[in-house]
Structures are given as C-alpha cells and as structure tokens.
Protein backbone atom coordinates (compact mmCIF):
# COMPACT_ATOMS: atom_id res chain seq x y z
CA MET A 1 109.68 57.36 51.13
CA CYS A 2 109.44 58.56 48.32
CA LEU A 3 111.16 61.28 47.07
CA LYS A 4 109.79 61.12 43.73
CA GLU A 5 106.67 59.65 41.45
CA THR A 6 108.47 56.72 40.07
CA LYS A 7 107.22 53.73 38.79
CA ASN A 8 109.10 51.87 40.87
CA CYS A 9 107.82 54.36 44.01
CA LEU A 10 104.59 53.20 42.79
CA ILE A 11 105.05 49.83 43.22
CA LEU A 12 106.30 50.11 46.87
CA ARG A 13 103.14 52.08 48.11
CA SER A 14 100.94 49.51 46.49
CA MET A 15 102.92 46.25 48.28
CA GLN A 16 102.93 48.23 51.13
CA MET A 17 99.22 48.65 50.98
CA ILE A 18 98.22 44.60 50.39
CA LEU A 19 100.30 44.36 53.05
CA TYR A 20 98.39 46.96 55.74
CA ILE A 21 95.25 45.13 54.52
CA LEU A 22 96.71 41.40 55.07
CA SER A 23 97.79 42.96 58.73
CA THR A 24 94.38 43.67 59.27
CA VAL A 25 92.85 40.51 57.48
CA ALA A 26 94.70 38.61 59.28
CA THR A 27 94.33 40.70 63.11
CA PHE A 28 90.38 40.09 62.06
CA SER A 29 91.08 36.32 62.08
CA ILE A 30 93.14 35.83 64.78
CA MET A 31 90.95 37.43 66.89
CA GLU A 32 88.71 34.44 66.64
CA PHE A 33 91.34 32.82 67.95
CA MET A 34 91.74 35.27 70.71
CA ALA A 35 87.49 35.95 71.60
CA TRP A 36 87.94 31.40 71.93
CA PHE A 37 90.71 31.31 74.11
CA SER A 38 89.38 34.66 76.34
CA HIS A 39 86.14 33.20 76.97
CA LYS A 40 87.93 29.73 77.59
CA TYR A 41 90.32 30.33 79.48
CA ILE A 42 89.53 33.82 81.07
CA MET A 43 85.81 34.44 81.19
CA HIS A 44 85.10 30.73 82.03
CA GLY A 45 88.17 30.78 84.46
CA PHE A 46 89.53 33.51 87.13
CA GLY A 47 87.63 36.33 84.86
CA TRP A 48 84.24 34.18 85.71
CA TYR A 49 83.22 37.40 88.03
CA LEU A 50 82.33 39.58 84.90
CA HIS A 51 80.91 37.06 83.03
CA GLU A 52 78.71 35.05 85.44
CA ASP A 53 75.89 37.61 84.92
CA HIS A 54 76.05 36.75 81.04
CA HIS A 55 74.77 33.10 81.84
CA GLN A 56 72.64 33.87 84.24
CA PRO A 57 68.83 35.52 83.93
CA HIS A 58 69.50 39.30 85.13
CA LYS A 59 67.19 42.08 84.75
CA GLY A 60 68.92 45.64 82.45
CA TRP A 61 70.45 46.01 79.41
CA PHE A 62 74.48 46.27 80.57
CA GLU A 63 76.34 43.26 82.13
CA LYS A 64 79.32 43.20 83.69
CA ASN A 65 80.91 41.03 81.02
CA ASP A 66 80.31 44.13 78.96
CA THR A 67 83.40 44.98 80.26
CA TYR A 68 85.48 42.63 77.64
CA PHE A 69 84.21 43.98 74.54
CA ILE A 70 85.49 47.83 76.76
CA PHE A 71 88.91 46.09 76.74
CA TYR A 72 89.45 45.19 73.45
CA ALA A 73 88.11 48.37 72.66
CA VAL A 74 90.90 50.32 74.16
CA ILE A 75 93.15 48.28 72.70
CA SER A 76 92.03 49.07 69.86
CA THR A 77 92.36 52.51 69.97
CA GLY A 78 95.70 52.44 71.59
CA LEU A 79 96.82 50.74 68.36
CA ILE A 80 95.17 53.57 66.56
CA ILE A 81 96.26 56.34 68.64
CA LEU A 82 99.87 55.31 68.23
CA TRP A 83 99.91 54.71 64.99
CA ALA A 84 98.25 58.27 64.33
CA GLU A 85 101.32 59.51 66.60
CA GLY A 86 104.12 57.54 64.37
CA TYR A 87 105.08 55.40 66.95
CA PHE A 88 103.37 51.98 64.85
CA THR A 89 103.18 51.30 61.80
CA TYR A 90 101.14 48.76 61.51
CA GLY A 91 99.00 50.17 64.95
CA LEU A 92 95.93 51.30 62.27
CA SER A 93 95.87 48.11 60.70
CA ILE A 94 96.03 46.41 63.88
CA GLY A 95 93.76 48.91 65.33
CA LEU A 96 90.93 48.01 62.29
CA GLY A 97 90.77 44.11 62.21
CA ILE A 98 90.23 44.49 66.28
CA LEU A 99 88.11 46.95 65.74
CA PHE A 100 85.95 44.79 62.53
CA TYR A 101 86.24 42.23 64.47
CA GLY A 102 84.15 43.81 67.51
CA ILE A 103 81.58 44.85 65.30
CA ALA A 104 81.14 41.24 63.33
CA TYR A 105 80.70 39.93 67.43
CA PHE A 106 78.68 41.96 68.66
CA LEU A 107 76.61 42.22 65.00
CA VAL A 108 76.34 38.16 65.59
CA HIS A 109 76.50 37.68 69.56
CA ASP A 110 74.37 41.15 70.81
CA VAL A 111 72.55 41.77 68.04
CA PHE A 112 71.75 38.40 66.25
CA ILE A 113 72.40 35.98 69.24
CA HIS A 114 71.08 37.69 72.08
CA ARG A 115 68.55 40.18 70.47
CA ARG A 116 69.77 42.99 72.44
CA PHE A 117 68.43 45.26 69.33
CA ASN A 118 65.68 44.81 67.59
CA TRP A 119 67.94 44.01 64.08
CA LEU A 120 68.50 40.76 62.23
CA LYS A 121 65.46 38.82 63.35
CA ASN A 122 64.58 37.74 59.80
CA THR A 123 68.38 36.34 59.42
CA ASP A 124 67.80 32.67 58.32
CA ASN A 125 70.24 30.58 56.50
CA VAL A 126 72.22 27.42 57.58
CA TYR A 127 75.36 29.56 58.77
CA PHE A 128 73.82 31.91 61.27
CA ARG A 129 71.16 28.79 62.94
CA ALA A 130 74.48 27.09 63.20
CA ILE A 131 76.16 29.71 65.41
CA ARG A 132 72.93 30.38 67.33
CA LYS A 133 72.69 26.72 68.18
CA ALA A 134 76.66 25.95 69.35
CA HIS A 135 75.76 29.61 71.39
CA LYS A 136 72.52 27.30 73.09
CA VAL A 137 74.63 24.60 73.68
CA HIS A 138 77.38 27.04 75.21
CA HIS A 139 74.73 28.80 77.20
CA LYS A 140 73.09 25.27 78.22
CA HIS A 141 75.70 25.26 81.02
CA GLN A 142 74.89 28.20 84.06
CA GLY A 143 78.23 27.39 85.50
CA LYS A 144 81.33 28.56 84.48
CA GLU A 145 82.58 24.71 84.50
CA ASP A 146 81.15 22.06 81.45
CA GLY A 147 81.17 24.68 78.91
CA GLU A 148 81.84 24.30 75.29
CA CYS A 149 81.39 25.84 71.83
CA PHE A 150 83.32 29.01 72.74
CA GLY A 151 84.20 30.66 69.54
CA MET A 152 81.58 32.99 67.93
CA LEU A 153 82.07 33.02 64.42
CA LEU A 154 83.39 29.76 63.71
CA VAL A 155 81.95 26.86 65.09
CA PRO A 156 82.26 22.73 65.12
CA MET A 157 81.41 21.31 61.86
CA LYS A 158 78.87 19.41 63.52
CA TYR A 159 76.23 22.19 64.06
CA PHE A 160 76.15 23.80 60.15
CA LYS A 161 75.59 19.93 59.21
CA GLU A 162 72.65 19.49 62.00
CA ALA A 163 71.58 23.47 60.57
CA ALA A 164 71.17 22.13 56.98
CA ARG A 165 68.91 19.17 57.98
CA SER A 166 66.37 21.49 59.85
CA ASN A 167 66.30 23.59 56.32
CA LYS A 168 65.06 20.58 54.25
C-alpha cells in the first residue's frame, strides 16, 4: 500500500483500521437482525425440524438446534480464510463481527438463559432480567406458531420496564 512511511501513509493506515473496526461493529449489529430474521422465518418456518427440540423438554446436552450455531461458525471461518488467502479485504472484520456475535449469543442464550454451563448464575440487572423474561415468553409456545420475541440481545421495551419494576 505505502512504500514509504510518510504522514499521509500513516493517516491512510489509520483510516483503514477505523474502517475495519467499524465493519466489525456493523457486522455484530447486523447479526442481531440476522438472528431475529432467521429465528422467526427459518427456525420457526422451514427449519423447524432442527429447532423444535429447543422448545421441547429433552434429555442430553446437545440439540439439533445447535446446527444453526455451526452454520454461522462456518460462515465466519470461511470469511476469515478468504481474508487470509487475500481474496476478501473485509473478510477478517466481517468474520470477527459474526464470531463476536456468536460468542455474545452463546453467553447470553446458552449460558445465562438456558444454564447449559454453570456460569453467570448470579447476574442480576435490568438488562439481563429483561432478556430472560422475553426469552421465557418466547418459550411459552411449544410449537412453531404463535411465537414472539425472536431477538436475543435487543428485546421490546416492555420487558425492560417490567424488569425495572421487579427490582423495586
């Protein structure tokens, strides 16, 4: 890119780094919409076969539903490989945005809400109570129809208000 370390070159590199960071943050944000969309229209639609066991009591630690996590992990890994091989300049930043969202989703959904691990047991604040309540409302429906609250990190304001009232 730059053959000599000049002031203009440093500015250009700084701007490029800011673009990479912004694309990672933007990808993370877009993933919340993707999670909502795929949850509502794929998992509770034609992909119900893989998601159904998540709404039913079952034995065992793994669920068919975990396939969706693997799907996004493959996309993230593929983008990072495309970047590493020099095919896609923003592959790393987009791949990392998907990865970071996957980590957040795992910690919130699998660890905090469903207690698949014995971590974050004592977490108690308005935000976490709100997302737990919204997820409970989502799971009150055992079937694929009549679902609500399909997002994960962003939930309707009414759950935040309810969580704040329950803290008093």
